[in-house]
Each structure stands twice: as C-alpha cells, then as structure tokens.
Amino acid sequence: MPKTKMKTQSSASGMVLLEVVLASGLFAMTAMAVVAGLHSCFQSLGKMRLESQAADLAITKVSEVHVGLLPPEDDGPNEYEEDETLVDWTWEIVTEELEIELETDAPPMIQVQVIVRHIPSGYTYSTRFLTPTPPETEGEEDGEELAGGLGQ
C-alpha cells in the first residue's frame, strides 16, 4: 500500500507543477500583450503630439502672413530662433501665382503654402491658402527719402 500512496502523491505533485507552468505561461503571454498595447498607445500619443504641434506652428505662420508680419513670398527653410523649445523644427513659405480668369475685377491671387518640418522624425506638415497678390513696392530709395523727410 505505501507504494500506491507514493505514486498518487507524485502524480498530484506533477499535476500541480504542470498547472503552475501553464499558469505562468498564460500570465507571461497576457503581460506581453498588455505591454505591446501600451507601447502602441504611447507611439500613437507621440505621433498625435507631433501632428498637433506641427499644425499649431503652421497656423501661427499663416496668421503672421495674414496680419502682415511675414510677406507672402518664398522664404526658407528657416529655423525657429525665438523659442529654444523649437530647435528641431523648421518652417518654409512657398508661393505660386494663380492665373484664374474671373469676370469680376478681383485682384490677382497667389497660393501660399506653409511647410513645417520636424527634423529628427522627418515629419512634414503643410497647409495652403489663397491671398491677394501684394502690391508692387517701390524702390528702397523712395522709402528712405520718405522716412528721412518725416524726421526733419
């Protein structure tokens, strides 16, 4: 009888060991799936943050053109010098004259494209808008004479 009792105990011990090994394997696979999901979420979050910041920077440049702080002419790529947190970003303005024939006396239009790039990731964001062609400016000499005449 003692031999039978030992076989039963070792069989039970073997089953417990098998259950522990299977449970550990299932736990490890579940943990890997959770970690992979979290990694994917963090990657998506980083990409969304990059896209959001690029859109904000581009809209800022569009606003600067609309307000008149930047002329609507080809410029760049330029670095953001006014903010140290934007060291990895560049901006560029590209213009294209449009030849649209309208029956009205509308001013000629140009298409202005603002391109913002994040250098380390290679991400590029671009937006376009139409604006009237700026009037031709006279030479710099006339402007200096006018400014000099006002000061006297």
C-alpha atoms as a PDB file:
ATOM      1  CA  MET A   1       0.000   0.000   0.000  1.00  0.00           C
ATOM      2  CA  PRO A   2       2.705   2.525   0.670  1.00  0.00           C
ATOM      3  CA  LYS A   3       3.876   2.279  -2.953  1.00  0.00           C
ATOM      4  CA  THR A   4       0.475   3.210  -4.309  1.00  0.00           C
ATOM      5  CA  LYS A   5       0.231   6.149  -1.970  1.00  0.00           C
ATOM      6  CA  MET A   6       3.616   7.471  -3.220  1.00  0.00           C
ATOM      7  CA  LYS A   7       2.560   7.161  -6.848  1.00  0.00           C
ATOM      8  CA  THR A   8      -0.603   9.123  -6.136  1.00  0.00           C
ATOM      9  CA  GLN A   9       1.338  11.849  -4.325  1.00  0.00           C
ATOM     10  CA  SER A  10       3.929  12.173  -7.097  1.00  0.00           C
ATOM     11  CA  SER A  11       1.145  12.250  -9.730  1.00  0.00           C
ATOM     12  CA  ALA A  12      -0.593  15.020  -7.807  1.00  0.00           C
ATOM     13  CA  SER A  13       2.697  16.899  -7.448  1.00  0.00           C
ATOM     14  CA  GLY A  14       3.292  16.545 -11.184  1.00  0.00           C
ATOM     15  CA  MET A  15      -0.186  17.903 -11.969  1.00  0.00           C
ATOM     16  CA  VAL A  16       0.341  20.881  -9.675  1.00  0.00           C
ATOM     17  CA  LEU A  17       3.670  21.595 -11.334  1.00  0.00           C
ATOM     18  CA  LEU A  18       2.051  21.377 -14.778  1.00  0.00           C
ATOM     19  CA  GLU A  19      -0.712  23.779 -13.670  1.00  0.00           C
ATOM     20  CA  VAL A  20       1.854  26.265 -12.322  1.00  0.00           C
ATOM     21  CA  VAL A  21       3.874  26.131 -15.543  1.00  0.00           C
ATOM     22  CA  LEU A  22       0.742  26.644 -17.696  1.00  0.00           C
ATOM     23  CA  ALA A  23      -0.489  29.496 -15.480  1.00  0.00           C
ATOM     24  CA  SER A  24       2.918  31.165 -15.627  1.00  0.00           C
ATOM     25  CA  GLY A  25       2.939  30.843 -19.434  1.00  0.00           C
ATOM     26  CA  LEU A  26      -0.553  32.352 -19.721  1.00  0.00           C
ATOM     27  CA  PHE A  27       0.438  35.184 -17.381  1.00  0.00           C
ATOM     28  CA  ALA A  28       3.570  35.895 -19.404  1.00  0.00           C
ATOM     29  CA  MET A  29       1.627  35.964 -22.696  1.00  0.00           C
ATOM     30  CA  THR A  30      -1.013  38.268 -21.185  1.00  0.00           C
ATOM     31  CA  ALA A  31       1.681  40.582 -19.802  1.00  0.00           C
ATOM     32  CA  MET A  32       3.383  40.729 -23.218  1.00  0.00           C
ATOM     33  CA  ALA A  33       0.063  41.607 -24.885  1.00  0.00           C
ATOM     34  CA  VAL A  34      -0.564  44.398 -22.367  1.00  0.00           C
ATOM     35  CA  VAL A  35       2.967  45.787 -22.803  1.00  0.00           C
ATOM     36  CA  ALA A  36       2.601  45.675 -26.606  1.00  0.00           C
ATOM     37  CA  GLY A  37      -0.727  47.523 -26.328  1.00  0.00           C
ATOM     38  CA  LEU A  38       0.768  50.188 -24.076  1.00  0.00           C
ATOM     39  CA  HIS A  39       3.717  50.618 -26.462  1.00  0.00           C
ATOM     40  CA  SER A  40       1.313  51.127 -29.350  1.00  0.00           C
ATOM     41  CA  CYS A  41      -0.682  53.672 -27.337  1.00  0.00           C
ATOM     42  CA  PHE A  42       2.441  55.645 -26.442  1.00  0.00           C
ATOM     43  CA  GLN A  43       3.593  55.640 -30.081  1.00  0.00           C
ATOM     44  CA  SER A  44       0.192  56.942 -31.190  1.00  0.00           C
ATOM     45  CA  LEU A  45       0.258  59.576 -28.471  1.00  0.00           C
ATOM     46  CA  GLY A  46       3.698  60.766 -29.601  1.00  0.00           C
ATOM     47  CA  LYS A  47       2.568  60.929 -33.218  1.00  0.00           C
ATOM     48  CA  MET A  48      -0.578  62.875 -32.285  1.00  0.00           C
ATOM     49  CA  ARG A  49       1.509  65.293 -30.221  1.00  0.00           C
ATOM     50  CA  LEU A  50       3.875  65.816 -33.159  1.00  0.00           C
ATOM     51  CA  GLU A  51       0.974  66.375 -35.586  1.00  0.00           C
ATOM     52  CA  SER A  52      -0.740  68.784 -33.201  1.00  0.00           C
ATOM     53  CA  GLN A  53       2.402  70.837 -32.619  1.00  0.00           C
ATOM     54  CA  ALA A  54       3.132  70.977 -36.367  1.00  0.00           C
ATOM     55  CA  ALA A  55      -0.413  72.162 -37.099  1.00  0.00           C
ATOM     56  CA  ASP A  56      -0.144  74.847 -34.389  1.00  0.00           C
ATOM     57  CA  LEU A  57       3.188  76.078 -35.759  1.00  0.00           C
ATOM     58  CA  ALA A  58       1.869  76.175 -39.338  1.00  0.00           C
ATOM     59  CA  ILE A  59      -1.285  78.072 -38.345  1.00  0.00           C
ATOM     60  CA  THR A  60       0.894  80.550 -36.460  1.00  0.00           C
ATOM     61  CA  LYS A  61       2.884  81.247 -39.650  1.00  0.00           C
ATOM     62  CA  VAL A  62      -0.359  81.535 -41.653  1.00  0.00           C
ATOM     63  CA  SER A  63      -1.587  84.102 -39.126  1.00  0.00           C
ATOM     64  CA  GLU A  64       1.693  86.016 -39.365  1.00  0.00           C
ATOM     65  CA  VAL A  65       1.226  86.245 -43.139  1.00  0.00           C
ATOM     66  CA  HIS A  66      -2.412  87.352 -42.782  1.00  0.00           C
ATOM     67  CA  VAL A  67      -1.523  90.021 -40.212  1.00  0.00           C
ATOM     68  CA  GLY A  68       1.390  91.279 -42.310  1.00  0.00           C
ATOM     69  CA  LEU A  69       4.274  90.238 -40.055  1.00  0.00           C
ATOM     70  CA  LEU A  70       5.589  87.971 -42.834  1.00  0.00           C
ATOM     71  CA  PRO A  71       5.376  88.830 -46.518  1.00  0.00           C
ATOM     72  CA  PRO A  72       3.631  86.253 -48.735  1.00  0.00           C
ATOM     73  CA  GLU A  73       6.792  85.361 -50.652  1.00  0.00           C
ATOM     74  CA  ASP A  74       9.119  82.363 -50.893  1.00  0.00           C
ATOM     75  CA  ASP A  75      11.165  82.047 -47.731  1.00  0.00           C
ATOM     76  CA  GLY A  76      13.047  79.226 -46.053  1.00  0.00           C
ATOM     77  CA  PRO A  77      13.558  76.694 -44.770  1.00  0.00           C
ATOM     78  CA  ASN A  78      14.141  78.701 -41.600  1.00  0.00           C
ATOM     79  CA  GLU A  79      14.727  77.681 -38.007  1.00  0.00           C
ATOM     80  CA  TYR A  80      12.573  78.925 -35.149  1.00  0.00           C
ATOM     81  CA  GLU A  81      15.007  81.281 -33.469  1.00  0.00           C
ATOM     82  CA  GLU A  82      12.659  82.926 -30.985  1.00  0.00           C
ATOM     83  CA  ASP A  83      11.959  79.760 -28.974  1.00  0.00           C
ATOM     84  CA  GLU A  84      14.566  77.285 -27.698  1.00  0.00           C
ATOM     85  CA  THR A  85      11.972  74.511 -27.394  1.00  0.00           C
ATOM     86  CA  LEU A  86      11.531  74.542 -31.182  1.00  0.00           C
ATOM     87  CA  VAL A  87      15.167  73.752 -32.033  1.00  0.00           C
ATOM     88  CA  ASP A  88      14.161  70.639 -34.004  1.00  0.00           C
ATOM     89  CA  TRP A  89      11.575  72.442 -36.157  1.00  0.00           C
ATOM     90  CA  THR A  90      11.893  74.425 -39.415  1.00  0.00           C
ATOM     91  CA  TRP A  91       9.360  76.403 -41.430  1.00  0.00           C
ATOM     92  CA  GLU A  92       9.166  77.394 -45.078  1.00  0.00           C
ATOM     93  CA  ILE A  93       6.865  79.518 -47.210  1.00  0.00           C
ATOM     94  CA  VAL A  94       6.358  78.629 -50.870  1.00  0.00           C
ATOM     95  CA  THR A  95       4.202  80.774 -53.148  1.00  0.00           C
ATOM     96  CA  GLU A  96       2.688  80.158 -56.549  1.00  0.00           C
ATOM     97  CA  GLU A  97       0.911  82.683 -58.721  1.00  0.00           C
ATOM     98  CA  LEU A  98      -2.504  81.564 -59.865  1.00  0.00           C
ATOM     99  CA  GLU A  99      -3.852  82.528 -63.228  1.00  0.00           C
ATOM    100  CA  ILE A 100      -7.569  82.418 -62.693  1.00  0.00           C
ATOM    101  CA  GLU A 101      -9.707  84.379 -65.080  1.00  0.00           C
ATOM    102  CA  LEU A 102     -12.672  85.858 -63.293  1.00  0.00           C
ATOM    103  CA  GLU A 103     -15.364  88.021 -64.784  1.00  0.00           C
ATOM    104  CA  THR A 104     -15.135  90.396 -61.837  1.00  0.00           C
ATOM    105  CA  ASP A 105     -12.425  92.901 -61.048  1.00  0.00           C
ATOM    106  CA  ALA A 106     -10.955  90.660 -58.358  1.00  0.00           C
ATOM    107  CA  PRO A 107      -7.267  91.177 -57.555  1.00  0.00           C
ATOM    108  CA  PRO A 108      -4.810  88.554 -58.773  1.00  0.00           C
ATOM    109  CA  MET A 109      -4.370  85.762 -56.249  1.00  0.00           C
ATOM    110  CA  ILE A 110      -1.385  83.752 -55.084  1.00  0.00           C
ATOM    111  CA  GLN A 111      -1.353  80.406 -53.348  1.00  0.00           C
ATOM    112  CA  VAL A 112       0.769  80.407 -50.212  1.00  0.00           C
ATOM    113  CA  GLN A 113       1.968  77.106 -48.795  1.00  0.00           C
ATOM    114  CA  VAL A 114       3.378  76.922 -45.271  1.00  0.00           C
ATOM    115  CA  ILE A 115       5.555  73.850 -44.651  1.00  0.00           C
ATOM    116  CA  VAL A 116       6.642  72.882 -41.136  1.00  0.00           C
ATOM    117  CA  ARG A 117       9.164  70.080 -40.575  1.00  0.00           C
ATOM    118  CA  HIS A 118      10.312  68.174 -37.502  1.00  0.00           C
ATOM    119  CA  ILE A 119      13.913  67.284 -38.372  1.00  0.00           C
ATOM    120  CA  PRO A 120      14.594  64.281 -36.059  1.00  0.00           C
ATOM    121  CA  SER A 121      11.444  62.377 -37.062  1.00  0.00           C
ATOM    122  CA  GLY A 122      11.241  63.613 -40.653  1.00  0.00           C
ATOM    123  CA  TYR A 123       7.577  64.580 -40.117  1.00  0.00           C
ATOM    124  CA  THR A 124       6.297  67.267 -42.507  1.00  0.00           C
ATOM    125  CA  TYR A 125       3.072  69.258 -42.187  1.00  0.00           C
ATOM    126  CA  SER A 126       1.796  71.513 -44.949  1.00  0.00           C
ATOM    127  CA  THR A 127      -1.138  73.875 -45.308  1.00  0.00           C
ATOM    128  CA  ARG A 128      -2.176  76.137 -48.189  1.00  0.00           C
ATOM    129  CA  PHE A 129      -4.294  79.241 -48.533  1.00  0.00           C
ATOM    130  CA  LEU A 130      -5.086  81.912 -51.122  1.00  0.00           C
ATOM    131  CA  THR A 131      -4.326  85.579 -50.670  1.00  0.00           C
ATOM    132  CA  PRO A 132      -4.333  88.588 -52.972  1.00  0.00           C
ATOM    133  CA  THR A 133      -1.014  89.309 -54.658  1.00  0.00           C
ATOM    134  CA  PRO A 134       0.752  92.016 -52.654  1.00  0.00           C
ATOM    135  CA  PRO A 135       1.130  95.346 -54.459  1.00  0.00           C
ATOM    136  CA  GLU A 136       4.493  96.042 -56.060  1.00  0.00           C
ATOM    137  CA  THR A 137       6.632  98.118 -53.719  1.00  0.00           C
ATOM    138  CA  GLU A 138       8.697 100.980 -54.982  1.00  0.00           C
ATOM    139  CA  GLY A 139      12.479 101.019 -54.624  1.00  0.00           C
ATOM    140  CA  GLU A 140      14.163 101.302 -51.250  1.00  0.00           C
ATOM    141  CA  GLU A 141      15.463 104.766 -52.078  1.00  0.00           C
ATOM    142  CA  ASP A 142      11.945 106.223 -52.210  1.00  0.00           C
ATOM    143  CA  GLY A 143      11.174 104.722 -48.813  1.00  0.00           C
ATOM    144  CA  GLU A 144      14.343 106.166 -47.324  1.00  0.00           C
ATOM    145  CA  GLU A 145      13.573 109.599 -48.691  1.00  0.00           C
ATOM    146  CA  LEU A 146      10.061 109.409 -47.290  1.00  0.00           C
ATOM    147  CA  ALA A 147      11.306 108.313 -43.875  1.00  0.00           C
ATOM    148  CA  GLY A 148      14.035 110.952 -43.929  1.00  0.00           C
ATOM    149  CA  GLY A 149      11.537 113.650 -44.897  1.00  0.00           C
ATOM    150  CA  LEU A 150       9.282 112.804 -41.957  1.00  0.00           C
ATOM    151  CA  GLY A 151      12.072 113.166 -39.426  1.00  0.00           C
ATOM    152  CA  GLN A 152      13.042 116.721 -40.441  1.00  0.00           C
END
